[in-house]
Protein backbone atom coordinates (compact mmCIF):
# COMPACT_ATOMS: atom_id res chain seq x y z
CA UNK A 1 -40.70 75.27 -97.10
CA UNK A 2 -38.44 72.24 -97.34
CA UNK A 3 -38.28 70.12 -94.18
CA UNK A 4 -36.06 67.22 -93.08
CA UNK A 5 -37.60 64.25 -91.23
CA UNK A 6 -35.80 63.24 -88.02
CA UNK A 7 -36.34 59.87 -86.27
CA UNK A 8 -34.50 59.41 -82.99
CA UNK A 9 -34.46 56.64 -80.32
CA UNK A 10 -33.65 58.08 -76.92
CA UNK A 11 -34.58 58.04 -73.24
CA UNK A 12 -38.03 59.32 -72.19
CA UNK A 13 -38.37 63.09 -72.10
CA UNK A 14 -39.62 64.92 -69.11
CA UNK A 15 -42.61 67.18 -69.91
CA UNK A 16 -40.56 70.40 -69.55
CA UNK A 17 -37.84 69.07 -71.83
CA UNK A 18 -40.42 67.94 -74.37
CA UNK A 19 -41.95 71.46 -74.31
CA UNK A 20 -38.54 72.98 -75.05
CA UNK A 21 -38.14 70.73 -78.09
CA UNK A 22 -41.63 71.64 -79.23
CA UNK A 23 -40.82 75.36 -79.03
CA UNK A 24 -37.69 74.77 -81.08
CA UNK A 25 -39.64 73.15 -83.87
CA UNK A 26 -39.21 69.45 -83.01
CA UNK A 27 -42.48 67.71 -82.31
CA UNK A 28 -42.51 64.36 -80.48
CA UNK A 29 -44.90 62.13 -82.31
CA UNK A 30 -46.23 58.95 -80.75
CA UNK A 31 -46.74 55.74 -82.72
CA UNK A 32 -50.06 55.28 -84.47
CA UNK A 33 -52.90 54.74 -82.05
CA UNK A 34 -51.18 56.42 -79.09
CA UNK A 35 -51.89 59.88 -77.72
CA UNK A 36 -49.02 62.37 -77.66
CA UNK A 37 -50.62 64.85 -75.28
CA UNK A 38 -48.62 66.08 -72.33
CA UNK A 39 -51.27 64.78 -69.96
CA UNK A 40 -50.79 61.15 -71.14
CA UNK A 41 -47.54 59.21 -71.30
CA UNK A 42 -47.40 56.90 -74.32
CA UNK A 43 -47.60 53.21 -73.44
CA UNK A 44 -44.12 52.59 -74.85
CA UNK A 45 -42.73 55.07 -72.33
CA UNK A 46 -44.35 53.40 -69.33
CA UNK A 47 -42.57 51.10 -66.89
CA UNK A 48 -43.63 47.42 -66.92
CA UNK A 49 -47.02 46.78 -65.37
CA UNK A 50 -47.35 45.17 -61.95
CA UNK A 51 -48.76 42.05 -63.60
CA UNK A 52 -45.70 41.78 -65.86
CA UNK A 53 -43.39 42.25 -62.88
CA UNK A 54 -45.23 39.53 -60.99
CA UNK A 55 -44.85 37.11 -63.89
CA UNK A 56 -41.11 37.73 -64.12
CA UNK A 57 -40.41 37.50 -60.42
CA UNK A 58 -37.46 35.45 -59.20
CA UNK A 59 -39.87 33.29 -57.22
CA UNK A 60 -40.61 31.44 -60.44
CA UNK A 61 -36.98 30.25 -60.46
CA UNK A 62 -37.26 28.94 -56.90
CA UNK A 63 -40.59 27.29 -57.73
CA UNK A 64 -39.00 25.47 -60.67
CA UNK A 65 -36.17 24.24 -58.47
CA UNK A 66 -38.68 22.78 -56.03
CA UNK A 67 -41.23 21.37 -58.50
CA UNK A 68 -40.26 21.45 -62.19
CA UNK A 69 -42.86 23.20 -64.31
CA UNK A 70 -44.34 25.42 -61.60
CA UNK A 71 -42.03 28.28 -62.53
CA UNK A 72 -43.07 27.96 -66.17
CA UNK A 73 -46.72 27.99 -65.06
CA UNK A 74 -46.12 31.24 -63.14
CA UNK A 75 -44.45 32.66 -66.25
CA UNK A 76 -47.46 31.52 -68.30
CA UNK A 77 -45.48 29.19 -70.55
CA UNK A 78 -47.22 26.16 -72.02
CA UNK A 79 -44.17 23.94 -71.64
CA UNK A 80 -44.82 23.63 -67.90
CA UNK A 81 -46.92 20.59 -68.85
CA UNK A 82 -43.84 18.80 -70.25
CA UNK A 83 -41.79 19.41 -67.10
CA UNK A 84 -44.58 18.17 -64.84
CA UNK A 85 -45.12 15.10 -67.03
CA UNK A 86 -41.41 14.20 -66.95
CA UNK A 87 -41.32 14.69 -63.18
CA UNK A 88 -44.32 12.43 -62.64
CA UNK A 89 -42.96 9.76 -65.00
CA UNK A 90 -39.47 9.76 -63.44
CA UNK A 91 -40.80 9.41 -59.89
CA UNK A 92 -43.24 6.69 -60.93
CA UNK A 93 -40.41 4.73 -62.57
CA UNK A 94 -38.18 5.23 -59.52
CA UNK A 95 -40.84 3.91 -57.16
CA UNK A 96 -41.50 0.89 -59.38
CA UNK A 97 -37.80 0.03 -59.86
CA UNK A 98 -36.95 0.53 -56.17
CA UNK A 99 -39.88 -1.70 -55.20
CA UNK A 100 -38.72 -4.40 -57.63
CA UNK A 101 -35.18 -4.18 -56.23
CA UNK A 102 -36.42 -4.62 -52.66
CA UNK A 103 -38.69 -7.50 -53.65
CA UNK A 104 -35.88 -9.34 -55.43
CA UNK A 105 -33.46 -8.65 -52.55
CA UNK A 106 -35.87 -10.15 -50.03
CA UNK A 107 -36.32 -13.14 -52.33
CA UNK A 108 -32.62 -14.00 -52.72
CA UNK A 109 -31.97 -13.45 -49.01
CA UNK A 110 -34.77 -15.83 -48.12
CA UNK A 111 -33.55 -18.40 -50.63
CA UNK A 112 -30.02 -18.25 -49.23
CA UNK A 113 -31.27 -18.65 -45.65
CA UNK A 114 -33.62 -21.54 -46.46
CA UNK A 115 -31.23 -23.51 -48.67
CA UNK A 116 -27.54 -22.60 -48.56
CA UNK A 117 -27.25 -21.58 -44.90
CA UNK A 118 -29.84 -23.74 -43.16
CA UNK A 119 -27.45 -26.66 -42.64
CA UNK A 120 -25.07 -24.48 -40.61
CA UNK A 121 -27.47 -22.46 -38.45
CA UNK A 122 -31.18 -22.31 -37.70
CA UNK A 123 -31.24 -18.52 -37.37
CA UNK A 124 -28.85 -17.12 -40.00
CA UNK A 125 -28.18 -13.38 -39.65
CA UNK A 126 -28.66 -11.10 -42.64
CA UNK A 127 -25.43 -10.27 -44.42
CA UNK A 128 -24.41 -7.04 -46.13
CA UNK A 129 -24.31 -6.41 -49.89
CA UNK A 130 -20.76 -7.69 -50.29
CA UNK A 131 -21.66 -10.93 -48.50
CA UNK A 132 -24.35 -11.88 -51.03
CA UNK A 133 -22.17 -10.79 -53.93
CA UNK A 134 -19.52 -13.26 -52.74
CA UNK A 135 -22.19 -15.92 -52.28
CA UNK A 136 -23.14 -15.41 -55.93
CA UNK A 137 -19.54 -15.94 -57.01
CA UNK A 138 -18.62 -18.95 -54.84
CA UNK A 139 -20.60 -22.16 -54.39
CA UNK A 140 -19.23 -22.56 -50.86
CA UNK A 141 -17.91 -20.16 -48.29
CA UNK A 142 -15.52 -22.71 -46.81
CA UNK A 143 -14.72 -23.04 -43.15
CA UNK A 144 -13.37 -20.13 -41.17
CA UNK A 145 -11.19 -22.48 -39.10
CA UNK A 146 -10.43 -25.71 -40.92
CA UNK A 147 -9.33 -27.51 -37.73
CA UNK A 148 -11.23 -26.96 -34.52
CA UNK A 149 -9.17 -26.08 -31.47
CA UNK A 150 -5.72 -24.62 -31.20
CA UNK A 151 -4.48 -21.89 -33.47
CA UNK A 152 -6.46 -20.58 -36.43
CA UNK A 153 -6.12 -22.80 -39.50
CA UNK A 154 -7.49 -20.87 -42.51
CA UNK A 155 -9.43 -22.64 -45.27
CA UNK A 156 -7.01 -24.13 -47.80
CA UNK A 157 -9.49 -24.87 -50.64
CA UNK A 158 -9.04 -21.94 -53.00
CA UNK A 159 -12.34 -22.67 -54.81
CA UNK A 160 -14.22 -21.46 -51.72
CA UNK A 161 -14.64 -17.84 -50.62
CA UNK A 162 -12.45 -18.23 -47.52
CA UNK A 163 -9.83 -20.23 -49.40
CA UNK A 164 -9.60 -17.44 -51.98
CA UNK A 165 -9.16 -14.88 -49.20
CA UNK A 166 -6.38 -16.91 -47.59
CA UNK A 167 -4.63 -17.27 -50.96
CA UNK A 168 -4.80 -13.49 -51.46
CA UNK A 169 -3.37 -12.95 -47.97
CA UNK A 170 -0.46 -15.30 -48.67
CA UNK A 171 0.23 -13.66 -52.03
CA UNK A 172 0.19 -10.24 -50.42
CA UNK A 173 2.39 -10.82 -47.37
CA UNK A 174 4.48 -13.94 -48.02
CA UNK A 175 7.47 -14.02 -50.29
CA UNK A 176 6.34 -17.49 -51.41
CA UNK A 177 2.56 -18.17 -51.11
CA UNK A 178 3.22 -21.92 -50.93
CA UNK A 179 5.89 -21.75 -48.21
CA UNK A 180 4.51 -20.63 -44.87
CA UNK A 181 6.82 -18.51 -42.69
CA UNK A 182 7.01 -19.35 -38.98
CA UNK A 183 3.89 -18.63 -36.97
CA UNK A 184 4.35 -15.43 -35.04
CA UNK A 185 6.56 -13.87 -37.69
CA UNK A 186 5.45 -10.47 -39.06
CA UNK A 187 4.67 -12.00 -42.47
CA UNK A 188 2.44 -14.72 -41.03
CA UNK A 189 0.79 -12.34 -38.55
CA UNK A 190 -0.06 -9.82 -41.27
CA UNK A 191 -1.55 -12.53 -43.47
CA UNK A 192 -3.56 -14.01 -40.62
CA UNK A 193 -4.98 -10.61 -39.61
CA UNK A 194 -5.89 -9.97 -43.24
CA UNK A 195 -7.76 -13.26 -43.30
CA UNK A 196 -9.57 -12.66 -40.00
CA UNK A 197 -10.88 -9.29 -41.19
CA UNK A 198 -12.22 -10.54 -44.53
CA UNK A 199 -13.08 -14.24 -44.20
CA UNK A 200 -16.65 -15.51 -43.81
CA UNK A 201 -17.42 -16.07 -40.12
CA UNK A 202 -18.94 -19.40 -38.98
CA UNK A 203 -22.45 -17.95 -38.51
CA UNK A 204 -22.44 -16.75 -42.16
CA UNK A 205 -21.18 -19.97 -43.70
CA UNK A 206 -23.01 -21.31 -46.78
CA UNK A 207 -22.94 -24.13 -49.33
CA UNK A 208 -24.91 -24.63 -52.57
CA UNK A 209 -23.26 -27.96 -53.27
CA UNK A 210 -26.45 -30.06 -53.23
CA UNK A 211 -28.77 -27.33 -54.50
CA UNK A 212 -27.64 -26.39 -57.98
CA UNK A 213 -31.11 -25.41 -59.21
CA UNK A 214 -31.69 -23.17 -56.21
CA UNK A 215 -28.24 -21.67 -56.68
CA UNK A 216 -29.05 -20.79 -60.29
CA UNK A 217 -32.29 -19.15 -59.14
CA UNK A 218 -30.39 -17.25 -56.45
CA UNK A 219 -27.96 -15.85 -59.00
CA UNK A 220 -30.76 -14.79 -61.36
CA UNK A 221 -32.62 -13.10 -58.54
CA UNK A 222 -29.61 -11.20 -57.23
CA UNK A 223 -28.85 -9.94 -60.74
CA UNK A 224 -32.47 -8.83 -61.14
CA UNK A 225 -32.25 -6.94 -57.87
CA UNK A 226 -29.00 -5.24 -58.84
CA UNK A 227 -30.41 -4.22 -62.22
CA UNK A 228 -33.54 -2.79 -60.60
CA UNK A 229 -31.52 -0.70 -58.14
CA UNK A 230 -29.22 0.47 -60.92
CA UNK A 231 -32.22 1.57 -62.99
CA UNK A 232 -33.72 3.37 -59.99
CA UNK A 233 -30.54 5.44 -59.74
CA UNK A 234 -30.95 6.37 -63.40
CA UNK A 235 -34.52 7.42 -62.62
CA UNK A 236 -33.22 9.70 -59.88
CA UNK A 237 -30.76 11.13 -62.37
CA UNK A 238 -33.67 12.02 -64.65
CA UNK A 239 -35.44 13.72 -61.73
CA UNK A 240 -32.34 15.81 -60.93
CA UNK A 241 -31.84 16.74 -64.59
CA UNK A 242 -35.49 17.79 -64.90
CA UNK A 243 -35.19 20.03 -61.82
CA UNK A 244 -32.00 21.61 -63.16
CA UNK A 245 -33.38 22.20 -66.66
CA UNK A 246 -36.62 23.72 -65.39
CA UNK A 247 -34.70 26.01 -63.03
CA UNK A 248 -32.33 27.21 -65.74
CA UNK A 249 -35.22 27.68 -68.14
CA UNK A 250 -37.10 29.86 -65.64
CA UNK A 251 -33.96 31.86 -64.80
CA UNK A 252 -33.21 32.61 -68.45
CA UNK A 253 -36.82 33.55 -69.12
CA UNK A 254 -36.90 35.99 -66.18
CA UNK A 255 -33.66 37.63 -67.27
CA UNK A 256 -34.80 38.03 -70.87
CA UNK A 257 -38.18 39.45 -69.90
CA UNK A 258 -36.64 41.97 -67.55
CA UNK A 259 -34.24 43.09 -70.25
CA UNK A 260 -37.10 43.50 -72.70
CA UNK A 261 -39.20 45.41 -70.15
CA UNK A 262 -36.27 47.69 -69.31
CA UNK A 263 -35.65 48.38 -73.00
CA UNK A 264 -39.32 49.13 -73.63
CA UNK A 265 -39.31 51.61 -70.75
CA UNK A 266 -36.29 53.51 -72.08
CA UNK A 267 -36.97 53.76 -75.83
CA UNK A 268 -39.53 55.57 -77.97
CA UNK A 269 -39.72 57.10 -81.43
CA UNK A 270 -39.24 60.86 -81.82
CA UNK A 271 -40.32 62.23 -85.18
CA UNK A 272 -39.92 65.90 -85.98
CA UNK A 273 -39.10 68.38 -88.72
CA UNK A 274 -36.23 70.87 -89.01
CA UNK A 275 -36.77 73.89 -91.30
CA UNK A 276 -34.11 74.30 -94.00
CA UNK A 277 -32.92 77.91 -93.79
CA UNK A 278 -31.74 77.84 -97.41
CA UNK A 279 -35.15 76.87 -98.74
CA UNK A 280 -37.66 79.57 -99.72
């Protein structure tokens, strides 16, 4: 008798359906090493094991988002070591750079208080970031009120911080920066208010005039502090990127494994023979 071989990929057969195919002459044959008895379902037909489901759980994605590498460890991937190493390195660098930035900041603040500001006040208050940036740029702050008593007389020396502010105010609100409008006019009032809001107050006044070496050290220290803080932000960027990459990696792995498990549960090989009625 001449027979034709038939190989089919299809969904798992229920036992009754498999019996009907057997009676019709088509025999389901399991891959080598597997039993094809009705009392045992071939391993390729089985649903994923509980251990496999545990390893592909979505909790591994959440774990990676919290601590990079932990999701890969749950998924039994060796690259979890790389994620943990990057995380540890990035945080170590951040701590070191942030500490250096704070140390340099304390140093330039102390230098400014002991040298540039001591002649104006015995207890100088701490300024904000912009204040020390302006101190780096200008040797002197200039006086807030050039003439004591009476109306406010802004600093006229444009090489000082306050003089530069008053020049900017005049350029912004006066038609001619060198020709003052009458006091009380809108133009003069706007310029004066601009100056009051931005000029260095008396308690923050400074001068590096007789301390050029200390001024040079101050500028170097403030630049070192700024660079350290800038680098610490880059370190945080590396931390965020590592979290994101580990999370995406775990998510993709879970999706792929679930697709593979679902495919394995729905496919098997069916091998049978069909008699050829024309053959004798």
